[in-house]
Amino acid sequence: MNTDSTISEAPCGIRLRSEATARQEPRGFPWPTRVVSLAGARAQAGRLAKKGRAPDISTFRLGQHASVNCITINGKENGPVESIIRDEAKKLKAAILNQFVFADNNMYLTSLKKLVSEGAPIACLNHTVPGGKGIFSAQAIALSGIRNVEPVKVNGRRIGFVYEDGFARYCFLSNVFAQNVNGSRPEQAGIVFETLEKAMAQHGFQFTEIVRTWFFNDHILDWYGEFNKVRTDFFKKTGIFEKTVPASTGIGAGNPHGAALVGNVFAVQPKNGQVKIQAVPSPMQESALNYKSSFSRAIELEYPTHRCLLISGTASISKDGETAFLDDVVSQIDLTMRVAEALLQSRKMDWKSIFRGRVYFKHPDYLKYFEEYCQKHKIPGSHLAVAFTDMCRGALLFEIELDALISKVSVQ
C-alpha cells in the first residue's frame, strides 16, 4: 500500500489534507506544516459547545486511496449525535475505528442504545451534563480505504483493531473493563491490564509497545493511589520502565457497565526501525514519575516524513509537582494551556498543529472561561471534545489532552 503519510490518535502514517483541499491539490502536493479541517474555516476559536455548529472533521490522507478521519461533536448539534456520527462516516466512506462518548447520568443509557458504531468499541463516560440532554459530546476515529484491518476480540466481544501501513503495525484497544464488576477496584484494575496484555499478545504485540493510554476511573478520587500502585506494579512486571513509559490520561467518570475502570491503549510496532519513539519532557513540569504516577508528559513518534506528538492529560501542576492556583479556575486554565503550549513549542509545533484533543472540566460553568481564553489567544477549538469529570486530584479543575502533527523539520 502507498503510505506517504502522518498520524492521529488512531495513527497510521497518514497524509493530512482536508476534504476540500484534497480536491484542489494535485497528486504529490508537498507536505503541509499545519493541521487543516473540514470545519476549520467556519469554526470560531474556542466556541466548543454552541447550538447548531457543524461537526468538525479532520482528514489525513494515506496515499491515493485511504484516509484517517477524526469526527468531533460538542453540545447540541443539528440532529441526534448518534446519527451525525454515522452520517459523517458514511459520507467519508469510512468505518469507525473507535468512539469516545460523554453523556448525562440520567439520560445516558437511553442515548447509548441509539448509538450504532458499526462494530467499533465505544469508551462511554457519564457525569452531570448541562440540561440533562443525553449525549453531550462525541469523538470518533474512522478509517477509509485501509486494508488488512483485523478486529481484536476478548471472550467474543470486540475491543479494538489491528492495522498497518508501510512504517508500522498499530493496535488500538478501547472500552476494556473487568467482567466481574463486584471485585475490588484494584482487582478490577489488574484484570484490565491483564486483558490488554493478552489481547495484544494474540496479535503479535508486546505490552512495552504501548505509546498512549487512557484510564477512566469511576470515583477516581477514592482510589487513584491504589490504581497507581496496580499500574506501576504491572509496568515493572512487563518491563515498561526499561523501555518508553507511555503518555496517558486518567480522569474520573462513570460508565454503563458499573465497572471501576475502563482502559484504552494505542500501541505502535515499527517496521525496520522506520519509526522512532521517544518520551518528551515538559519544559514547565517535572516528570510525573517523580511523584509515583507512571506516565510520560508526552510521546513523540518520528516518521521519515513527519512527526506526531501525543500530549498526556495536562493540568495545573507546578514545577515542584504541587497543584497550583487552588480554587482559581481561570488561573488553572492559564497555567495548563501555557504548559501545553510549551510542550508544543519544544517540538517546533503550535496550536495550529493540533489534530485531536479533549478538554475536561470539574464543573460545566468552567467551560466559558476556557472559551474566553481561546478567543483571547486565538486558539482554534474545533478539534476538542468537551467532558465534565473529576481529575486525578480533587483540587484540579481543568485538564487537556492533545495530539499534534507536523511535516518533518529539524528539531535540535
Protein backbone atom coordinates (compact mmCIF):
# COMPACT_ATOMS: atom_id res chain seq x y z
CA MET A 1 0.00 0.00 0.00
CA ASN A 2 1.22 3.52 -0.78
CA THR A 3 1.88 5.13 2.57
CA ASP A 4 3.22 8.67 2.30
CA SER A 5 1.62 9.73 5.49
CA THR A 6 1.27 11.28 9.00
CA ILE A 7 -0.54 10.42 12.21
CA SER A 8 -3.55 10.75 14.55
CA GLU A 9 -4.96 9.32 17.79
CA ALA A 10 -5.52 6.11 15.87
CA PRO A 11 -2.41 6.83 13.93
CA CYS A 12 -1.46 5.10 10.81
CA GLY A 13 1.18 7.08 8.98
CA ILE A 14 -1.10 9.49 7.19
CA ARG A 15 -1.06 12.47 4.91
CA LEU A 16 -3.03 15.42 6.17
CA ARG A 17 -5.43 17.30 3.91
CA SER A 18 -8.97 18.44 4.30
CA GLU A 19 -11.64 17.02 2.04
CA ALA A 20 -11.83 20.40 0.30
CA THR A 21 -8.10 20.81 -0.29
CA ALA A 22 -7.80 17.19 -1.39
CA ARG A 23 -10.00 18.04 -4.38
CA GLN A 24 -7.87 21.06 -5.27
CA GLU A 25 -4.32 19.81 -4.78
CA PRO A 26 -2.54 17.78 -7.45
CA ARG A 27 -1.02 14.45 -6.54
CA GLY A 28 2.37 14.85 -4.94
CA PHE A 29 1.38 18.12 -3.24
CA PRO A 30 4.08 18.99 -0.67
CA TRP A 31 3.66 18.12 2.99
CA PRO A 32 1.68 20.78 4.85
CA THR A 33 3.04 22.20 8.10
CA ARG A 34 -0.33 22.83 9.73
CA VAL A 35 -3.42 20.81 10.50
CA VAL A 36 -6.41 21.64 8.34
CA SER A 37 -10.00 20.68 8.96
CA LEU A 38 -13.23 20.44 7.04
CA ALA A 39 -14.88 22.65 9.64
CA GLY A 40 -11.84 24.77 10.39
CA ALA A 41 -12.73 27.60 8.03
CA ARG A 42 -16.13 28.10 9.59
CA ALA A 43 -15.43 27.33 13.26
CA GLN A 44 -14.58 30.25 15.52
CA ALA A 45 -11.79 29.81 18.05
CA GLY A 46 -12.94 28.47 21.38
CA ARG A 47 -16.64 28.11 20.56
CA LEU A 48 -16.84 24.48 21.61
CA ALA A 49 -20.42 23.82 22.60
CA LYS A 50 -22.68 26.20 20.73
CA LYS A 51 -26.01 25.16 19.28
CA GLY A 52 -26.12 24.38 15.59
CA ARG A 53 -22.41 24.24 14.74
CA ALA A 54 -21.49 21.58 12.22
CA PRO A 55 -19.31 18.66 13.40
CA ASP A 56 -15.59 19.15 12.98
CA ILE A 57 -13.86 16.69 10.66
CA SER A 58 -10.09 16.33 10.33
CA THR A 59 -8.93 14.14 7.45
CA PHE A 60 -5.45 12.66 6.96
CA ARG A 61 -4.77 11.12 3.57
CA LEU A 62 -2.98 7.78 3.25
CA GLY A 63 -1.62 7.69 -0.25
CA GLN A 64 -4.16 7.89 -3.06
CA HIS A 65 -6.99 5.75 -1.72
CA ALA A 66 -7.06 5.78 2.07
CA SER A 67 -7.51 8.23 4.92
CA VAL A 68 -7.98 8.52 8.67
CA ASN A 69 -10.63 10.92 9.92
CA CYS A 70 -11.49 12.43 13.29
CA ILE A 71 -15.12 13.48 13.82
CA THR A 72 -15.75 15.76 16.83
CA ILE A 73 -19.18 16.87 18.07
CA ASN A 74 -19.95 19.11 21.04
CA GLY A 75 -23.15 20.43 22.58
CA LYS A 76 -26.48 20.48 20.83
CA GLU A 77 -25.90 19.87 17.14
CA ASN A 78 -28.31 19.91 14.20
CA GLY A 79 -29.67 16.43 14.88
CA PRO A 80 -29.01 13.49 17.22
CA VAL A 81 -25.32 12.86 17.87
CA GLU A 82 -25.69 9.15 17.15
CA SER A 83 -26.96 9.78 13.62
CA ILE A 84 -24.45 12.57 12.93
CA ILE A 85 -21.50 10.24 13.61
CA ARG A 86 -22.92 7.58 11.30
CA ASP A 87 -23.81 10.04 8.57
CA GLU A 88 -20.41 11.71 8.57
CA ALA A 89 -18.61 8.36 8.47
CA LYS A 90 -20.85 7.30 5.60
CA LYS A 91 -20.02 10.46 3.65
CA LEU A 92 -16.34 9.71 4.14
CA LYS A 93 -16.88 6.04 3.17
CA ALA A 94 -15.16 5.25 6.42
CA ALA A 95 -15.53 2.53 9.05
CA ILE A 96 -15.48 3.76 12.64
CA LEU A 97 -12.40 2.52 14.50
CA ASN A 98 -13.30 3.75 17.98
CA GLN A 99 -15.52 6.27 19.72
CA PHE A 100 -15.45 8.41 22.84
CA VAL A 101 -18.89 9.43 24.11
CA PHE A 102 -19.76 11.66 27.06
CA ALA A 103 -23.37 11.78 28.27
CA ASP A 104 -25.59 12.85 31.14
CA ASN A 105 -26.14 10.49 34.07
CA ASN A 106 -29.92 10.47 33.82
CA MET A 107 -30.25 10.22 30.03
CA TYR A 108 -27.18 8.07 29.49
CA LEU A 109 -28.50 4.59 28.81
CA THR A 110 -31.34 5.82 26.62
CA SER A 111 -28.90 7.76 24.48
CA LEU A 112 -26.38 4.94 24.36
CA LYS A 113 -28.89 2.45 22.99
CA LYS A 114 -29.37 4.71 19.97
CA LEU A 115 -25.67 4.89 19.20
CA VAL A 116 -24.75 2.47 16.43
CA SER A 117 -21.00 2.19 15.91
CA GLU A 118 -20.80 -0.46 13.18
CA GLY A 119 -18.98 -2.83 15.49
CA ALA A 120 -16.45 -0.31 16.84
CA PRO A 121 -15.87 -0.22 20.60
CA ILE A 122 -17.15 2.86 22.41
CA ALA A 123 -15.49 4.31 25.50
CA CYS A 124 -18.56 5.71 27.26
CA LEU A 125 -18.40 8.15 30.17
CA ASN A 126 -21.24 9.61 32.17
CA HIS A 127 -21.41 12.53 34.57
CA THR A 128 -23.52 15.66 35.02
CA VAL A 129 -24.35 17.39 31.73
CA PRO A 130 -25.91 20.87 31.42
CA GLY A 131 -29.63 20.47 30.79
CA GLY A 132 -29.50 16.67 31.10
CA LYS A 133 -29.79 16.25 27.34
CA GLY A 134 -28.28 12.80 26.94
CA ILE A 135 -25.14 12.66 24.79
CA PHE A 136 -23.22 15.94 25.15
CA SER A 137 -20.08 15.23 23.14
CA ALA A 138 -18.63 12.52 20.95
CA GLN A 139 -15.40 11.92 19.08
CA ALA A 140 -14.76 9.15 16.58
CA ILE A 141 -11.78 7.96 14.57
CA ALA A 142 -12.83 6.48 11.23
CA LEU A 143 -10.74 4.70 8.60
CA SER A 144 -11.45 4.70 4.88
CA GLY A 145 -9.66 2.63 2.27
CA ILE A 146 -7.48 0.80 4.84
CA ARG A 147 -6.66 -2.82 4.08
CA ASN A 148 -5.65 -5.62 6.44
CA VAL A 149 -7.71 -4.34 9.37
CA GLU A 150 -8.15 -7.13 11.94
CA PRO A 151 -10.71 -6.97 14.76
CA VAL A 152 -9.45 -7.75 18.26
CA LYS A 153 -11.86 -9.72 20.44
CA VAL A 154 -11.91 -10.89 24.05
CA ASN A 155 -14.50 -13.50 25.00
CA GLY A 156 -16.35 -12.76 21.78
CA ARG A 157 -16.54 -9.01 22.46
CA ARG A 158 -14.80 -6.67 20.03
CA ILE A 159 -12.42 -4.34 21.87
CA GLY A 160 -10.37 -2.89 19.02
CA PHE A 161 -8.48 -3.29 15.79
CA VAL A 162 -5.01 -4.04 14.44
CA TYR A 163 -3.92 -2.46 11.17
CA GLU A 164 -0.74 -1.40 9.39
CA ASP A 165 0.96 0.85 6.88
CA GLY A 166 4.42 0.91 5.33
CA PHE A 167 6.03 2.23 8.51
CA ALA A 168 4.47 0.20 11.33
CA ARG A 169 1.73 -2.03 12.68
CA TYR A 170 -0.82 -0.46 15.04
CA CYS A 171 -3.09 -1.76 17.77
CA PHE A 172 -5.89 0.33 19.26
CA LEU A 173 -7.93 -1.22 22.08
CA SER A 174 -10.90 0.52 23.67
CA ASN A 175 -13.57 0.06 26.34
CA VAL A 176 -11.69 -2.67 28.22
CA PHE A 177 -13.08 -3.42 31.68
CA ALA A 178 -13.33 -6.31 34.13
CA GLN A 179 -16.37 -8.51 33.56
CA ASN A 180 -16.68 -9.12 37.30
CA VAL A 181 -17.67 -5.64 38.46
CA ASN A 182 -18.16 -6.93 42.01
CA GLY A 183 -14.43 -7.36 42.52
CA SER A 184 -12.45 -4.75 44.43
CA ARG A 185 -11.26 -1.73 42.49
CA PRO A 186 -7.59 -2.83 42.50
CA GLU A 187 -8.63 -6.33 41.41
CA GLN A 188 -10.62 -4.89 38.50
CA ALA A 189 -7.67 -2.68 37.53
CA GLY A 190 -5.37 -5.70 37.48
CA ILE A 191 -7.80 -7.56 35.22
CA VAL A 192 -7.91 -4.61 32.81
CA PHE A 193 -4.12 -4.63 32.46
CA GLU A 194 -4.01 -8.41 32.06
CA THR A 195 -6.76 -8.29 29.44
CA LEU A 196 -4.93 -5.62 27.45
CA GLU A 197 -1.67 -7.59 27.54
CA LYS A 198 -3.36 -10.84 26.49
CA ALA A 199 -5.29 -9.24 23.63
CA MET A 200 -2.17 -7.56 22.32
CA ALA A 201 -0.11 -10.74 22.52
CA GLN A 202 -2.70 -12.62 20.47
CA HIS A 203 -1.93 -10.22 17.62
CA GLY A 204 1.83 -10.18 17.98
CA PHE A 205 2.24 -7.06 20.12
CA GLN A 206 4.21 -6.66 23.33
CA PHE A 207 2.85 -4.58 26.20
CA THR A 208 6.00 -2.43 26.02
CA GLU A 209 4.93 -1.23 22.55
CA ILE A 210 2.11 0.87 24.03
CA VAL A 211 2.70 4.60 23.41
CA ARG A 212 -0.58 6.05 24.74
CA THR A 213 -3.11 5.02 27.39
CA TRP A 214 -6.44 6.38 28.65
CA PHE A 215 -7.90 5.33 32.01
CA PHE A 216 -11.41 6.32 33.04
CA ASN A 217 -11.79 5.61 36.76
CA ASP A 218 -15.19 5.62 38.43
CA HIS A 219 -14.90 7.70 41.64
CA ILE A 220 -11.23 8.30 40.85
CA LEU A 221 -10.58 10.41 43.94
CA ASP A 222 -11.43 7.48 46.20
CA TRP A 223 -8.78 5.16 44.82
CA TYR A 224 -6.30 6.88 42.48
CA GLY A 225 -3.41 5.92 44.76
CA GLU A 226 -4.44 2.26 44.62
CA PHE A 227 -4.78 2.46 40.84
CA ASN A 228 -1.31 3.96 40.51
CA LYS A 229 0.17 1.10 42.52
CA VAL A 230 -1.51 -1.50 40.30
CA ARG A 231 -0.31 0.30 37.17
CA THR A 232 3.25 0.73 38.44
CA ASP A 233 3.49 -2.91 39.53
CA PHE A 234 2.25 -4.09 36.12
CA PHE A 235 4.66 -1.77 34.30
CA LYS A 236 7.52 -3.20 36.36
CA LYS A 237 6.38 -6.75 35.59
CA THR A 238 6.22 -6.12 31.83
CA GLY A 239 9.43 -4.08 31.59
CA ILE A 240 7.93 -0.77 30.50
CA PHE A 241 10.28 1.24 32.71
CA GLU A 242 13.21 -0.22 30.75
CA LYS A 243 11.57 0.93 27.50
CA THR A 244 9.37 4.03 27.00
CA VAL A 245 6.69 4.90 29.54
CA PRO A 246 3.54 5.82 27.56
CA ALA A 247 1.70 9.12 27.57
CA SER A 248 -1.60 8.88 29.43
CA THR A 249 -4.85 10.46 30.56
CA GLY A 250 -6.51 9.48 33.84
CA ILE A 251 -9.83 11.09 34.72
CA GLY A 252 -12.88 10.25 36.83
CA ALA A 253 -16.25 9.37 35.32
CA GLY A 254 -18.77 6.54 35.44
CA ASN A 255 -19.57 4.01 32.73
CA PRO A 256 -22.62 1.95 31.74
CA HIS A 257 -21.02 -1.31 32.93
CA GLY A 258 -20.72 -0.30 36.59
CA ALA A 259 -17.00 -1.10 36.35
CA ALA A 260 -14.35 0.56 38.48
CA LEU A 261 -12.10 1.16 35.46
CA VAL A 262 -12.29 1.41 31.67
CA GLY A 263 -8.99 1.35 29.75
CA ASN A 264 -7.91 2.28 26.22
CA VAL A 265 -4.44 1.80 24.72
CA PHE A 266 -2.66 2.59 21.47
CA ALA A 267 0.46 0.62 20.50
CA VAL A 268 2.94 1.06 17.65
CA GLN A 269 5.20 -1.67 16.28
CA PRO A 270 7.72 -0.08 13.89
CA LYS A 271 8.84 -1.90 10.75
CA ASN A 272 12.61 -1.95 10.16
CA GLY A 273 13.21 0.85 12.62
CA GLN A 274 11.37 3.41 10.47
CA VAL A 275 9.50 4.97 13.41
CA LYS A 276 11.48 6.46 16.29
CA ILE A 277 9.60 6.69 19.59
CA GLN A 278 10.73 8.86 22.49
CA ALA A 279 9.35 10.44 25.65
CA VAL A 280 9.25 14.23 25.59
CA PRO A 281 9.82 16.08 28.89
CA SER A 282 7.73 19.11 29.80
CA PRO A 283 9.64 22.40 29.91
CA MET A 284 7.35 23.59 32.74
CA GLN A 285 6.63 20.47 34.81
CA GLU A 286 8.73 17.76 36.39
CA SER A 287 8.38 14.14 35.37
CA ALA A 288 5.21 12.51 36.71
CA LEU A 289 7.39 9.53 37.61
CA ASN A 290 8.90 11.66 40.36
CA TYR A 291 5.63 11.56 42.30
CA LYS A 292 4.85 7.91 41.54
CA SER A 293 2.45 8.40 38.64
CA SER A 294 3.58 6.16 35.82
CA PHE A 295 3.22 8.13 32.59
CA SER A 296 5.28 10.41 30.36
CA ARG A 297 4.29 14.04 29.80
CA ALA A 298 4.28 13.40 26.05
CA ILE A 299 5.42 10.87 23.46
CA GLU A 300 6.79 11.75 20.04
CA LEU A 301 6.57 9.43 17.05
CA GLU A 302 9.08 10.40 14.38
CA TYR A 303 8.48 9.03 10.88
CA PRO A 304 10.66 9.55 7.80
CA THR A 305 8.17 12.16 6.60
CA HIS A 306 6.53 13.64 9.68
CA ARG A 307 6.32 13.84 13.47
CA CYS A 308 3.40 13.23 15.83
CA LEU A 309 3.25 14.47 19.42
CA LEU A 310 0.88 12.74 21.86
CA ILE A 311 0.45 15.02 24.89
CA SER A 312 -0.80 13.42 28.11
CA GLY A 313 -3.64 14.81 30.15
CA THR A 314 -2.17 18.10 31.38
CA ALA A 315 -3.38 20.15 34.34
CA SER A 316 -2.39 22.94 36.73
CA ILE A 317 0.65 21.28 38.31
CA SER A 318 3.62 23.40 39.37
CA LYS A 319 7.27 22.63 38.67
CA ASP A 320 7.58 21.00 42.11
CA GLY A 321 4.64 18.67 41.47
CA GLU A 322 2.07 20.51 43.61
CA THR A 323 -1.42 21.61 42.50
CA ALA A 324 -1.21 25.30 41.55
CA PHE A 325 -3.90 28.00 41.96
CA LEU A 326 -6.32 26.32 44.35
CA ASP A 327 -9.97 27.27 43.73
CA ASP A 328 -8.96 29.56 40.84
CA VAL A 329 -10.19 28.03 37.58
CA VAL A 330 -9.11 30.97 35.41
CA SER A 331 -5.52 30.72 36.62
CA GLN A 332 -5.57 26.91 36.36
CA ILE A 333 -6.68 27.14 32.74
CA ASP A 334 -4.00 29.74 32.01
CA LEU A 335 -1.17 27.67 33.51
CA THR A 336 -2.38 24.44 31.91
CA MET A 337 -2.55 25.99 28.46
CA ARG A 338 0.91 27.53 28.85
CA VAL A 339 2.29 24.12 29.87
CA ALA A 340 0.68 22.50 26.82
CA GLU A 341 1.95 25.27 24.55
CA ALA A 342 5.48 24.88 25.92
CA LEU A 343 5.38 21.18 25.05
CA LEU A 344 4.23 22.01 21.52
CA GLN A 345 6.88 24.68 21.07
CA SER A 346 9.61 22.35 22.35
CA ARG A 347 8.93 20.22 19.26
CA LYS A 348 8.55 23.21 16.89
CA MET A 349 4.76 22.94 16.83
CA ASP A 350 1.94 25.31 17.81
CA TRP A 351 -1.83 25.31 18.37
CA LYS A 352 -2.47 25.09 14.63
CA SER A 353 -0.69 21.72 14.65
CA ILE A 354 -3.49 20.12 16.71
CA PHE A 355 -5.38 17.26 15.07
CA ARG A 356 -7.42 15.97 18.03
CA GLY A 357 -7.92 16.73 21.68
CA ARG A 358 -10.24 16.64 24.68
CA VAL A 359 -10.87 19.12 27.47
CA TYR A 360 -12.16 18.05 30.87
CA PHE A 361 -13.85 20.40 33.37
CA LYS A 362 -14.68 19.84 37.04
CA HIS A 363 -17.90 21.83 36.60
CA PRO A 364 -19.91 22.83 33.49
CA ASP A 365 -19.68 26.51 34.50
CA TYR A 366 -15.93 26.42 33.84
CA LEU A 367 -16.32 25.89 30.10
CA LYS A 368 -17.00 29.59 29.49
CA TYR A 369 -13.62 30.56 30.98
CA PHE A 370 -11.85 28.20 28.61
CA GLU A 371 -13.76 29.60 25.64
CA GLU A 372 -12.76 33.12 26.70
CA TYR A 373 -9.12 32.03 26.95
CA CYS A 374 -9.20 30.50 23.46
CA GLN A 375 -10.82 33.58 21.98
CA LYS A 376 -8.30 35.89 23.65
CA HIS A 377 -5.31 33.86 22.50
CA LYS A 378 -6.76 32.93 19.08
CA ILE A 379 -6.59 29.20 19.77
CA PRO A 380 -8.78 27.05 17.48
CA GLY A 381 -11.09 24.82 19.49
CA SER A 382 -12.82 22.87 16.76
CA HIS A 383 -10.82 19.67 17.29
CA LEU A 384 -11.57 19.45 21.03
CA ALA A 385 -14.27 17.26 22.58
CA VAL A 386 -15.70 18.52 25.89
CA ALA A 387 -16.42 16.48 29.04
CA PHE A 388 -17.27 17.29 32.66
CA THR A 389 -15.42 14.95 35.02
CA ASP A 390 -13.23 14.66 38.08
CA MET A 391 -9.47 14.86 37.62
CA CYS A 392 -6.94 12.70 39.43
CA ARG A 393 -6.64 15.31 42.23
CA GLY A 394 -9.61 16.86 43.96
CA ALA A 395 -8.24 20.39 43.64
CA LEU A 396 -7.74 20.22 39.87
CA LEU A 397 -10.49 21.99 37.93
CA PHE A 398 -9.36 21.59 34.29
CA GLU A 399 -7.37 19.19 32.11
CA ILE A 400 -6.47 19.00 28.41
CA GLU A 401 -5.01 16.25 26.21
CA LEU A 402 -3.75 16.81 22.67
CA ASP A 403 -2.48 15.06 19.54
CA ALA A 404 -0.41 17.25 17.20
CA LEU A 405 1.39 16.56 13.95
CA ILE A 406 3.69 18.36 11.55
CA SER A 407 5.76 17.68 8.47
CA LYS A 408 9.36 16.68 9.06
CA VAL A 409 11.57 19.53 10.24
CA SER A 410 14.86 19.61 12.04
CA VAL A 411 14.49 19.68 15.85
CA GLN A 412 17.53 20.48 17.97
